[in-house]
Amino acid sequence: MNIMTKQKVSPRGKLNKADLRKLGVNILKFTAPALAAFFGQLALGVEWKPALLFASYIFYALLQDFLSKLNTAV
């Protein structure tokens, strides 16, 4: 019994166009609210160091998402 779908999946360690498009959409979905919060903090007078710490958390989340997509491709 074949339970695999006919979805095109990248070979392990390589990303195809669809995977890169999904990654781009994920970057927009997850960074837009976070960047809005980051600039909102700056607008409210929060110092740049705590705001930079928040931005580094955003970067870490994006890097983790990218690496998980790269490593889980079949």
C-alpha atoms as a PDB file:
ATOM      1  CA  MET A   1       0.000   0.000   0.000  1.00  0.00           C
ATOM      2  CA  ASN A   2       1.468   3.328  -1.081  1.00  0.00           C
ATOM      3  CA  ILE A   3       0.514   6.076   1.362  1.00  0.00           C
ATOM      4  CA  MET A   4       2.797   8.674  -0.222  1.00  0.00           C
ATOM      5  CA  THR A   5       1.133  11.571  -2.011  1.00  0.00           C
ATOM      6  CA  LYS A   6       2.088  12.790  -5.449  1.00  0.00           C
ATOM      7  CA  GLN A   7       3.421  16.047  -4.039  1.00  0.00           C
ATOM      8  CA  LYS A   8       6.762  17.047  -5.519  1.00  0.00           C
ATOM      9  CA  VAL A   9       9.360  17.069  -2.768  1.00  0.00           C
ATOM     10  CA  SER A  10      12.922  18.247  -3.052  1.00  0.00           C
ATOM     11  CA  PRO A  11      15.727  15.738  -2.770  1.00  0.00           C
ATOM     12  CA  ARG A  12      17.452  15.789   0.599  1.00  0.00           C
ATOM     13  CA  GLY A  13      19.746  18.800   0.922  1.00  0.00           C
ATOM     14  CA  LYS A  14      18.304  20.656  -2.090  1.00  0.00           C
ATOM     15  CA  LEU A  15      15.342  23.002  -2.355  1.00  0.00           C
ATOM     16  CA  ASN A  16      13.188  23.371  -5.455  1.00  0.00           C
ATOM     17  CA  LYS A  17      11.273  26.479  -6.531  1.00  0.00           C
ATOM     18  CA  ALA A  18       8.130  25.495  -4.637  1.00  0.00           C
ATOM     19  CA  ASP A  19      10.109  25.024  -1.416  1.00  0.00           C
ATOM     20  CA  LEU A  20      11.805  28.399  -1.823  1.00  0.00           C
ATOM     21  CA  ARG A  21       8.435  30.044  -2.487  1.00  0.00           C
ATOM     22  CA  LYS A  22       6.996  28.443   0.669  1.00  0.00           C
ATOM     23  CA  LEU A  23      10.039  29.615   2.622  1.00  0.00           C
ATOM     24  CA  GLY A  24       9.538  33.154   1.305  1.00  0.00           C
ATOM     25  CA  VAL A  25       5.878  33.112   2.308  1.00  0.00           C
ATOM     26  CA  ASN A  26       6.854  31.843   5.769  1.00  0.00           C
ATOM     27  CA  ILE A  27       9.410  34.641   6.098  1.00  0.00           C
ATOM     28  CA  LEU A  28       6.732  37.210   5.262  1.00  0.00           C
ATOM     29  CA  LYS A  29       4.131  35.632   7.550  1.00  0.00           C
ATOM     30  CA  PHE A  30       6.374  35.402  10.592  1.00  0.00           C
ATOM     31  CA  THR A  31       8.536  38.492  10.248  1.00  0.00           C
ATOM     32  CA  ALA A  32       5.863  41.052   9.371  1.00  0.00           C
ATOM     33  CA  PRO A  33       4.207  40.998  12.821  1.00  0.00           C
ATOM     34  CA  ALA A  34       7.564  40.680  14.565  1.00  0.00           C
ATOM     35  CA  LEU A  35       9.042  43.606  12.637  1.00  0.00           C
ATOM     36  CA  ALA A  36       5.940  45.650  13.382  1.00  0.00           C
ATOM     37  CA  ALA A  37       6.434  44.899  17.080  1.00  0.00           C
ATOM     38  CA  PHE A  38      10.160  45.726  16.785  1.00  0.00           C
ATOM     39  CA  PHE A  39       9.512  49.118  15.202  1.00  0.00           C
ATOM     40  CA  GLY A  40       6.660  49.678  17.622  1.00  0.00           C
ATOM     41  CA  GLN A  41       9.085  49.203  20.501  1.00  0.00           C
ATOM     42  CA  LEU A  42      11.440  51.735  18.963  1.00  0.00           C
ATOM     43  CA  ALA A  43       8.554  54.158  18.451  1.00  0.00           C
ATOM     44  CA  LEU A  44       7.555  53.794  22.111  1.00  0.00           C
ATOM     45  CA  GLY A  45      11.043  54.756  23.204  1.00  0.00           C
ATOM     46  CA  VAL A  46      12.552  51.360  24.004  1.00  0.00           C
ATOM     47  CA  GLU A  47      16.331  51.486  23.731  1.00  0.00           C
ATOM     48  CA  TRP A  48      17.876  49.907  20.676  1.00  0.00           C
ATOM     49  CA  LYS A  49      19.752  47.199  22.606  1.00  0.00           C
ATOM     50  CA  PRO A  50      16.627  45.422  23.905  1.00  0.00           C
ATOM     51  CA  ALA A  51      15.018  45.944  20.494  1.00  0.00           C
ATOM     52  CA  LEU A  52      18.114  44.426  18.863  1.00  0.00           C
ATOM     53  CA  LEU A  53      17.815  41.428  21.172  1.00  0.00           C
ATOM     54  CA  PHE A  54      14.255  40.992  19.944  1.00  0.00           C
ATOM     55  CA  ALA A  55      15.423  41.270  16.318  1.00  0.00           C
ATOM     56  CA  SER A  56      18.077  38.602  16.923  1.00  0.00           C
ATOM     57  CA  TYR A  57      15.331  36.301  18.208  1.00  0.00           C
ATOM     58  CA  ILE A  58      13.470  36.871  14.931  1.00  0.00           C
ATOM     59  CA  PHE A  59      16.617  36.020  12.963  1.00  0.00           C
ATOM     60  CA  TYR A  60      17.119  32.851  15.019  1.00  0.00           C
ATOM     61  CA  ALA A  61      13.537  31.750  14.321  1.00  0.00           C
ATOM     62  CA  LEU A  62      13.999  32.287  10.576  1.00  0.00           C
ATOM     63  CA  LEU A  63      17.294  30.421  10.562  1.00  0.00           C
ATOM     64  CA  GLN A  64      15.735  27.525  12.466  1.00  0.00           C
ATOM     65  CA  ASP A  65      12.831  27.408   9.979  1.00  0.00           C
ATOM     66  CA  PHE A  66      15.206  27.405   7.008  1.00  0.00           C
ATOM     67  CA  LEU A  67      17.427  24.670   8.439  1.00  0.00           C
ATOM     68  CA  SER A  68      14.467  22.479   9.350  1.00  0.00           C
ATOM     69  CA  LYS A  69      13.097  22.824   5.801  1.00  0.00           C
ATOM     70  CA  LEU A  70      16.508  21.996   4.356  1.00  0.00           C
ATOM     71  CA  ASN A  71      17.011  18.949   6.557  1.00  0.00           C
ATOM     72  CA  THR A  72      13.504  17.492   6.289  1.00  0.00           C
ATOM     73  CA  ALA A  73      13.387  17.464   2.498  1.00  0.00           C
ATOM     74  CA  VAL A  74      13.217  13.857   1.371  1.00  0.00           C
END
